[in-house]
Amino acid sequence: MTSKTMTRNSSGFTLAELMVALALSAIVVLAVAALAVTTDRFARSQSRLMDAQQRARVIAEMLGRDLRLAGAGLDRGPMSGALNQVFTPMWPRRVGRVRPEAASVVRPDALTLVWVPDTIVQTTLAVGDVPSLGRIVLAPCVGGALPCQVTRGATLAIFDAPGRAELLGVLDNDVGGTTVRPLGVPAGAFAAGSTVSEVVIRGYYFDAAQSQLRFYDADSTDQPVVDDVTGLTFEYFGDPAPPQLPRPDPGVENCLFDMAGTWRGGVTLTANSDGLAALPLAMFQDGPWCSAGGTSFDADLLRVRRIRVLVRLRASGPRDPRPDYRAVFDVSPPNLSRTGPGGGPGGAW
């Protein structure tokens, strides 16, 4: 009797107890594993979100800087002042030597900007010429008696009082003249005395196929700036009244004034509470057309005073339903304001 009792007490766990213990252990292990997976997934999603925020910050800093510089003009000579007194410093399309888009093309996801940097290369054409033929002769730099030294690889803009402009890449410079090539469709002949200045061109566009924001300098550089971009949109706000500059000399017509000096007028829009009106993209593709060649533009672009940038960036990974990260910011370029300081690095309006 005693022996049987001792045997029964030392027999260990029953099968039912063992199965219960194993089930409880499995539940604990699965719970820990699920917690680890969830924690890892959360950490990865937070990392991707932070990365998207950082990429948005890069875009905001880069575009914000260049938009604030857009339109900065000359600080010396008879045509000193912001560029939008003469021609638009922004085109809502790709402008340049490689794959340029026609003036009638208006893209919500592309923008080309131009401004005059802090430079002494501010002069005029010494003789009338057709720049697209590849050779121009420059007068001495404004305020100096020495030839205007232009660096190989620089970008020049030629423009005149009626508002025609042409962008040129510098191939060489010597005592006989400057060898150039047009950055886009040529604008024709320019008279002696037409203004010539070094400029900076910054083009940005969205490449949906590669999910990239890309940069193009209107010549030979075309490179990605930020990856995993899923959307880019530019919106425009400006003066409700149609533009009245540039105004050509008497007897000369342009897109805003006829030969008699009569203003062609335009549509007046309803202003928002901030005094500006929304400018739909359709306004930039119905004329009247200003300038010529690759720099042609709709006159309504001269109304622009503020640009809104909307960008979407991928913030999720595979099988992650998290939506894209969205950033929105507005920039009011001082060089586009008729009442602001204007000018920028190269001039004052």
Protein backbone atom coordinates (compact mmCIF):
# COMPACT_ATOMS: atom_id res chain seq x y z
CA MET A 1 0.00 0.00 0.00
CA THR A 2 2.74 2.37 0.86
CA SER A 3 4.74 1.38 -2.23
CA LYS A 4 1.82 2.05 -4.57
CA THR A 5 1.27 5.47 -3.03
CA MET A 6 4.92 6.46 -3.45
CA THR A 7 4.87 5.30 -7.10
CA ARG A 8 1.73 7.32 -7.87
CA ASN A 9 3.13 10.50 -6.20
CA SER A 10 6.49 10.33 -8.10
CA SER A 11 5.02 9.65 -11.53
CA GLY A 12 5.39 13.42 -12.67
CA PHE A 13 2.98 15.37 -14.98
CA THR A 14 0.08 13.74 -16.61
CA LEU A 15 -0.36 14.08 -20.38
CA ALA A 16 -3.18 16.59 -19.91
CA GLU A 17 -1.02 18.78 -17.66
CA LEU A 18 1.83 18.65 -20.17
CA MET A 19 -0.43 19.68 -23.04
CA VAL A 20 -1.79 22.59 -21.02
CA ALA A 21 1.75 23.72 -20.15
CA LEU A 22 2.82 23.47 -23.79
CA ALA A 23 -0.24 25.42 -24.93
CA LEU A 24 0.42 28.17 -22.40
CA SER A 25 4.08 28.32 -23.41
CA ALA A 26 3.11 28.55 -27.08
CA ILE A 27 0.69 31.37 -26.33
CA VAL A 28 3.40 33.30 -24.47
CA VAL A 29 5.94 32.72 -27.25
CA LEU A 30 3.47 33.78 -29.95
CA ALA A 31 2.49 36.87 -27.98
CA VAL A 32 6.15 37.85 -27.56
CA ALA A 33 6.80 37.19 -31.26
CA ALA A 34 3.76 39.23 -32.29
CA LEU A 35 4.87 42.06 -30.03
CA ALA A 36 8.37 41.92 -31.51
CA VAL A 37 7.00 41.97 -35.08
CA THR A 38 4.63 44.83 -34.27
CA THR A 39 7.39 46.79 -32.58
CA ASP A 40 9.75 46.21 -35.49
CA ARG A 41 7.06 47.21 -37.99
CA PHE A 42 6.27 50.34 -36.00
CA ALA A 43 9.95 51.23 -35.76
CA ARG A 44 10.38 50.74 -39.50
CA SER A 45 7.29 52.80 -40.32
CA GLN A 46 8.45 55.58 -38.02
CA SER A 47 11.85 55.47 -39.68
CA ARG A 48 10.26 55.72 -43.12
CA LEU A 49 8.07 58.59 -41.93
CA MET A 50 11.07 60.45 -40.55
CA ASP A 51 12.92 59.83 -43.80
CA ALA A 52 9.99 61.24 -45.77
CA GLN A 53 9.93 64.30 -43.52
CA GLN A 54 13.65 64.80 -44.08
CA ARG A 55 13.23 64.53 -47.86
CA ALA A 56 10.37 67.05 -47.68
CA ARG A 57 12.66 69.38 -45.73
CA VAL A 58 15.32 69.11 -48.45
CA ILE A 59 12.75 69.99 -51.12
CA ALA A 60 11.39 72.91 -49.11
CA GLU A 61 14.86 74.34 -48.48
CA MET A 62 16.02 73.95 -52.08
CA LEU A 63 12.88 75.16 -53.83
CA GLY A 64 12.26 77.85 -51.21
CA ARG A 65 15.76 79.27 -51.71
CA ASP A 66 15.54 79.30 -55.50
CA LEU A 67 12.01 80.70 -55.57
CA ARG A 68 13.08 83.58 -53.33
CA LEU A 69 15.90 84.37 -55.80
CA ALA A 70 13.74 84.08 -58.92
CA GLY A 71 13.56 87.33 -60.86
CA ALA A 72 16.55 89.05 -59.28
CA GLY A 73 17.82 91.45 -61.93
CA LEU A 74 20.66 93.78 -62.78
CA ASP A 75 22.00 96.33 -60.32
CA ARG A 76 23.56 98.64 -62.89
CA GLY A 77 22.82 100.07 -66.31
CA PRO A 78 19.65 101.40 -67.92
CA MET A 79 17.73 98.13 -67.47
CA SER A 80 18.53 97.56 -63.82
CA GLY A 81 15.79 96.08 -61.70
CA ALA A 82 13.81 92.88 -61.36
CA LEU A 83 13.62 90.72 -64.48
CA ASN A 84 9.83 90.68 -64.56
CA GLN A 85 9.95 94.28 -65.76
CA VAL A 86 11.15 92.80 -69.05
CA PHE A 87 10.33 89.07 -69.21
CA THR A 88 9.05 86.34 -66.94
CA PRO A 89 11.61 84.79 -64.58
CA MET A 90 9.63 81.53 -64.47
CA TRP A 91 8.15 79.10 -66.95
CA PRO A 92 5.79 76.28 -65.87
CA ARG A 93 7.55 73.83 -68.18
CA ARG A 94 10.95 72.47 -69.14
CA VAL A 95 13.10 75.18 -70.76
CA GLY A 96 16.53 74.59 -72.23
CA ARG A 97 18.66 72.91 -74.88
CA VAL A 98 17.61 69.29 -74.28
CA ARG A 99 13.96 68.24 -74.73
CA PRO A 100 12.50 71.75 -74.35
CA GLU A 101 8.73 72.02 -74.16
CA ALA A 102 6.67 74.37 -76.31
CA ALA A 103 5.35 77.63 -74.88
CA SER A 104 1.81 76.28 -75.03
CA VAL A 105 2.78 73.40 -72.71
CA VAL A 106 1.90 74.16 -69.09
CA ARG A 107 2.78 71.53 -66.52
CA PRO A 108 1.57 71.50 -62.92
CA ASP A 109 4.69 69.51 -61.94
CA ALA A 110 7.47 71.51 -63.63
CA LEU A 111 8.97 74.95 -63.08
CA THR A 112 12.02 76.71 -64.56
CA LEU A 113 13.43 79.75 -62.74
CA VAL A 114 15.99 82.37 -63.74
CA TRP A 115 17.79 85.17 -61.92
CA VAL A 116 20.89 87.34 -62.13
CA PRO A 117 23.52 86.32 -59.56
CA ASP A 118 25.95 88.66 -57.84
CA THR A 119 28.06 89.23 -60.96
CA ILE A 120 29.93 91.96 -62.84
CA VAL A 121 28.96 90.36 -66.16
CA GLN A 122 26.30 92.96 -66.94
CA THR A 123 26.77 94.57 -70.33
CA THR A 124 25.29 95.02 -73.81
CA LEU A 125 25.79 93.71 -77.31
CA ALA A 126 28.52 95.76 -78.99
CA VAL A 127 27.03 95.05 -82.42
CA GLY A 128 23.68 93.72 -83.55
CA ASP A 129 23.76 89.99 -84.08
CA VAL A 130 21.88 86.71 -84.24
CA PRO A 131 23.11 84.83 -81.15
CA SER A 132 22.03 81.44 -82.52
CA LEU A 133 24.73 81.76 -85.18
CA GLY A 134 27.18 81.05 -82.37
CA ARG A 135 29.13 84.25 -81.89
CA ILE A 136 28.40 87.53 -80.10
CA VAL A 137 30.53 90.56 -79.29
CA LEU A 138 30.08 92.15 -75.90
CA ALA A 139 30.65 95.76 -74.90
CA PRO A 140 32.76 96.46 -71.79
CA CYS A 141 31.03 95.58 -68.54
CA VAL A 142 28.77 98.31 -67.22
CA GLY A 143 30.81 100.77 -65.18
CA GLY A 144 34.16 99.57 -66.56
CA ALA A 145 36.44 100.09 -69.53
CA LEU A 146 37.82 96.54 -69.75
CA PRO A 147 36.30 93.77 -71.88
CA CYS A 148 33.59 91.84 -70.07
CA GLN A 149 35.21 88.54 -69.12
CA VAL A 150 32.76 85.68 -69.42
CA THR A 151 33.63 82.28 -68.00
CA ARG A 152 33.33 79.18 -70.14
CA GLY A 153 30.30 77.19 -68.97
CA ALA A 154 28.43 80.27 -67.77
CA THR A 155 24.87 81.04 -68.86
CA LEU A 156 23.91 84.37 -70.42
CA ALA A 157 20.59 86.04 -71.09
CA ILE A 158 20.10 88.63 -73.83
CA PHE A 159 17.00 90.78 -73.59
CA ASP A 160 15.65 94.04 -74.95
CA ALA A 161 13.06 96.66 -74.03
CA PRO A 162 10.13 95.06 -75.91
CA GLY A 163 10.57 92.00 -73.73
CA ARG A 164 12.31 89.48 -75.98
CA ALA A 165 14.86 87.24 -74.31
CA GLU A 166 17.22 84.43 -75.27
CA LEU A 167 19.25 82.08 -73.07
CA LEU A 168 22.78 81.14 -74.14
CA GLY A 169 25.45 78.75 -72.93
CA VAL A 170 29.02 80.05 -73.14
CA LEU A 171 31.42 77.72 -74.98
CA ASP A 172 34.45 80.01 -75.19
CA ASN A 173 35.53 83.61 -74.79
CA ASP A 174 38.42 85.49 -76.42
CA VAL A 175 39.37 88.98 -77.51
CA GLY A 176 37.32 88.62 -80.69
CA GLY A 177 34.05 87.70 -79.05
CA THR A 178 32.15 85.07 -77.14
CA THR A 179 31.22 81.69 -78.60
CA VAL A 180 27.76 80.62 -77.48
CA ARG A 181 25.02 78.13 -78.21
CA PRO A 182 21.28 78.75 -77.71
CA LEU A 183 19.59 76.98 -74.82
CA GLY A 184 16.37 76.28 -76.65
CA VAL A 185 14.67 77.59 -79.77
CA PRO A 186 16.45 80.77 -80.98
CA ALA A 187 14.68 84.10 -80.49
CA GLY A 188 16.10 85.79 -83.61
CA ALA A 189 18.27 88.87 -84.05
CA PHE A 190 19.03 91.39 -81.32
CA ALA A 191 20.06 94.98 -81.94
CA ALA A 192 23.26 96.54 -80.68
CA GLY A 193 22.74 97.81 -77.15
CA SER A 194 20.53 94.89 -76.11
CA THR A 195 21.22 93.94 -72.50
CA VAL A 196 23.42 90.93 -71.75
CA SER A 197 23.88 89.46 -68.28
CA GLU A 198 25.08 86.31 -66.64
CA VAL A 199 22.13 84.39 -65.21
CA VAL A 200 21.39 81.27 -63.19
CA ILE A 201 18.76 78.82 -64.43
CA ARG A 202 17.12 76.25 -62.16
CA GLY A 203 14.58 73.84 -63.56
CA TYR A 204 12.67 71.34 -61.40
CA TYR A 205 10.28 68.67 -62.60
CA PHE A 206 8.60 65.49 -61.40
CA ASP A 207 9.62 62.22 -63.04
CA ALA A 208 6.69 59.89 -62.31
CA ALA A 209 8.37 56.85 -63.92
CA GLN A 210 11.31 57.03 -61.51
CA SER A 211 9.44 58.65 -58.58
CA GLN A 212 11.98 61.48 -58.47
CA LEU A 213 12.19 65.23 -58.20
CA ARG A 214 14.79 66.12 -60.82
CA PHE A 215 16.90 69.21 -61.54
CA TYR A 216 17.78 70.57 -64.99
CA ASP A 217 20.07 73.55 -65.64
CA ALA A 218 18.76 74.23 -69.19
CA ASP A 219 21.99 72.93 -70.68
CA SER A 220 23.68 69.59 -69.97
CA THR A 221 22.95 68.79 -66.32
CA ASP A 222 19.86 66.71 -65.60
CA GLN A 223 19.99 64.80 -62.32
CA PRO A 224 17.80 63.49 -59.50
CA VAL A 225 17.40 65.59 -56.37
CA VAL A 226 15.07 63.53 -54.16
CA ASP A 227 13.85 59.93 -54.55
CA ASP A 228 10.53 58.32 -53.58
CA VAL A 229 8.52 61.36 -54.63
CA THR A 230 4.96 60.41 -55.58
CA GLY A 231 3.61 63.81 -56.58
CA LEU A 232 4.58 67.45 -57.17
CA THR A 233 2.27 70.37 -57.92
CA PHE A 234 2.89 74.09 -58.32
CA GLU A 235 0.01 76.53 -57.83
CA TYR A 236 0.16 80.23 -58.65
CA PHE A 237 -1.34 83.36 -57.13
CA GLY A 238 -0.91 86.88 -58.39
CA ASP A 239 -2.09 90.34 -59.26
CA PRO A 240 -5.83 90.41 -60.09
CA ALA A 241 -5.16 93.09 -62.73
CA PRO A 242 -3.42 92.25 -66.04
CA PRO A 243 0.23 93.36 -66.37
CA GLN A 244 1.33 96.68 -67.89
CA LEU A 245 5.08 96.03 -68.01
CA PRO A 246 7.23 95.76 -70.04
CA ARG A 247 6.28 98.88 -71.96
CA PRO A 248 8.31 99.35 -75.15
CA ASP A 249 9.56 102.61 -76.62
CA PRO A 250 7.10 104.65 -78.73
CA GLY A 251 6.61 103.12 -82.15
CA VAL A 252 7.56 99.63 -80.95
CA GLU A 253 4.96 97.00 -80.09
CA ASN A 254 5.07 93.95 -77.86
CA CYS A 255 2.60 91.54 -76.30
CA LEU A 256 1.10 94.24 -74.04
CA PHE A 257 1.14 97.41 -76.20
CA ASP A 258 0.48 98.10 -79.89
CA MET A 259 2.52 100.37 -82.18
CA ALA A 260 0.56 103.42 -81.02
CA GLY A 261 1.39 102.68 -77.38
CA THR A 262 -2.15 101.57 -76.54
CA TRP A 263 -2.37 98.97 -73.81
CA ARG A 264 -4.01 95.77 -74.99
CA GLY A 265 -5.71 95.21 -71.63
CA GLY A 266 -6.78 91.89 -70.19
CA VAL A 267 -9.07 90.10 -67.75
CA THR A 268 -9.29 91.35 -64.16
CA LEU A 269 -9.75 88.57 -61.62
CA THR A 270 -11.44 88.52 -58.22
CA ALA A 271 -8.94 88.96 -55.40
CA ASN A 272 -8.81 86.77 -52.31
CA SER A 273 -8.65 88.22 -48.80
CA ASP A 274 -4.88 88.62 -49.15
CA GLY A 275 -5.26 90.80 -52.26
CA LEU A 276 -4.05 88.12 -54.66
CA ALA A 277 -6.04 86.03 -57.11
CA ALA A 278 -5.64 82.35 -57.91
CA LEU A 279 -4.10 81.95 -61.37
CA PRO A 280 -5.25 78.67 -62.96
CA LEU A 281 -2.77 76.97 -65.27
CA ALA A 282 -5.12 77.50 -68.23
CA MET A 283 -4.36 81.25 -67.99
CA PHE A 284 -0.78 80.52 -69.01
CA GLN A 285 -1.54 78.87 -72.33
CA ASP A 286 -4.02 81.12 -74.13
CA GLY A 287 -1.82 84.18 -74.86
CA PRO A 288 -1.05 86.90 -75.56
CA TRP A 289 2.44 85.54 -76.12
CA CYS A 290 5.51 87.51 -75.10
CA SER A 291 9.21 87.14 -75.98
CA ALA A 292 10.16 84.68 -78.75
CA GLY A 293 11.64 81.25 -79.34
CA GLY A 294 12.36 79.08 -76.33
CA THR A 295 11.62 81.84 -73.82
CA SER A 296 8.11 82.59 -75.14
CA PHE A 297 5.55 82.92 -72.38
CA ASP A 298 1.96 83.90 -71.73
CA ALA A 299 1.68 87.50 -70.52
CA ASP A 300 -0.30 86.37 -67.46
CA LEU A 301 2.88 84.87 -65.99
CA LEU A 302 3.91 88.47 -65.27
CA ARG A 303 1.10 88.57 -62.70
CA VAL A 304 2.61 85.87 -60.46
CA ARG A 305 3.44 87.02 -56.94
CA ARG A 306 3.26 83.81 -54.91
CA ILE A 307 3.84 80.12 -55.62
CA ARG A 308 2.46 77.23 -53.60
CA VAL A 309 4.35 73.94 -53.66
CA LEU A 310 2.58 70.67 -52.85
CA VAL A 311 4.74 67.57 -52.64
CA ARG A 312 3.95 63.97 -51.73
CA LEU A 313 6.59 61.48 -50.67
CA ARG A 314 6.40 57.75 -50.11
CA ALA A 315 6.39 57.02 -46.37
CA SER A 316 5.45 53.33 -46.44
CA GLY A 317 6.98 50.03 -47.38
CA PRO A 318 5.62 46.80 -48.88
CA ARG A 319 2.25 45.74 -47.43
CA ASP A 320 2.14 48.95 -45.43
CA PRO A 321 -1.11 50.91 -45.85
CA ARG A 322 0.35 54.12 -44.44
CA PRO A 323 -0.50 57.06 -46.79
CA ASP A 324 2.11 59.23 -48.48
CA TYR A 325 3.64 62.09 -46.51
CA ARG A 326 2.29 65.42 -47.76
CA ALA A 327 4.01 68.79 -47.43
CA VAL A 328 2.71 72.20 -48.54
CA PHE A 329 4.52 75.54 -48.43
CA ASP A 330 4.10 78.97 -50.01
CA VAL A 331 6.83 81.31 -51.25
CA SER A 332 6.37 84.97 -52.20
CA PRO A 333 9.50 85.89 -54.20
CA PRO A 334 10.42 89.48 -53.29
CA ASN A 335 11.65 90.07 -56.84
CA LEU A 336 8.15 89.46 -58.21
CA SER A 337 6.50 91.98 -55.92
CA ARG A 338 5.72 95.40 -57.36
CA THR A 339 5.72 96.86 -53.85
CA GLY A 340 8.51 94.82 -52.25
CA PRO A 341 12.24 95.47 -52.23
CA GLY A 342 12.71 93.62 -55.54
CA GLY A 343 15.99 93.24 -57.27
CA GLY A 344 17.65 90.64 -55.08
CA PRO A 345 21.36 89.92 -55.44
CA GLY A 346 21.62 91.59 -58.81
CA GLY A 347 19.37 94.59 -58.55
CA ALA A 348 16.59 96.58 -56.91
CA TRP A 349 13.23 97.26 -58.47
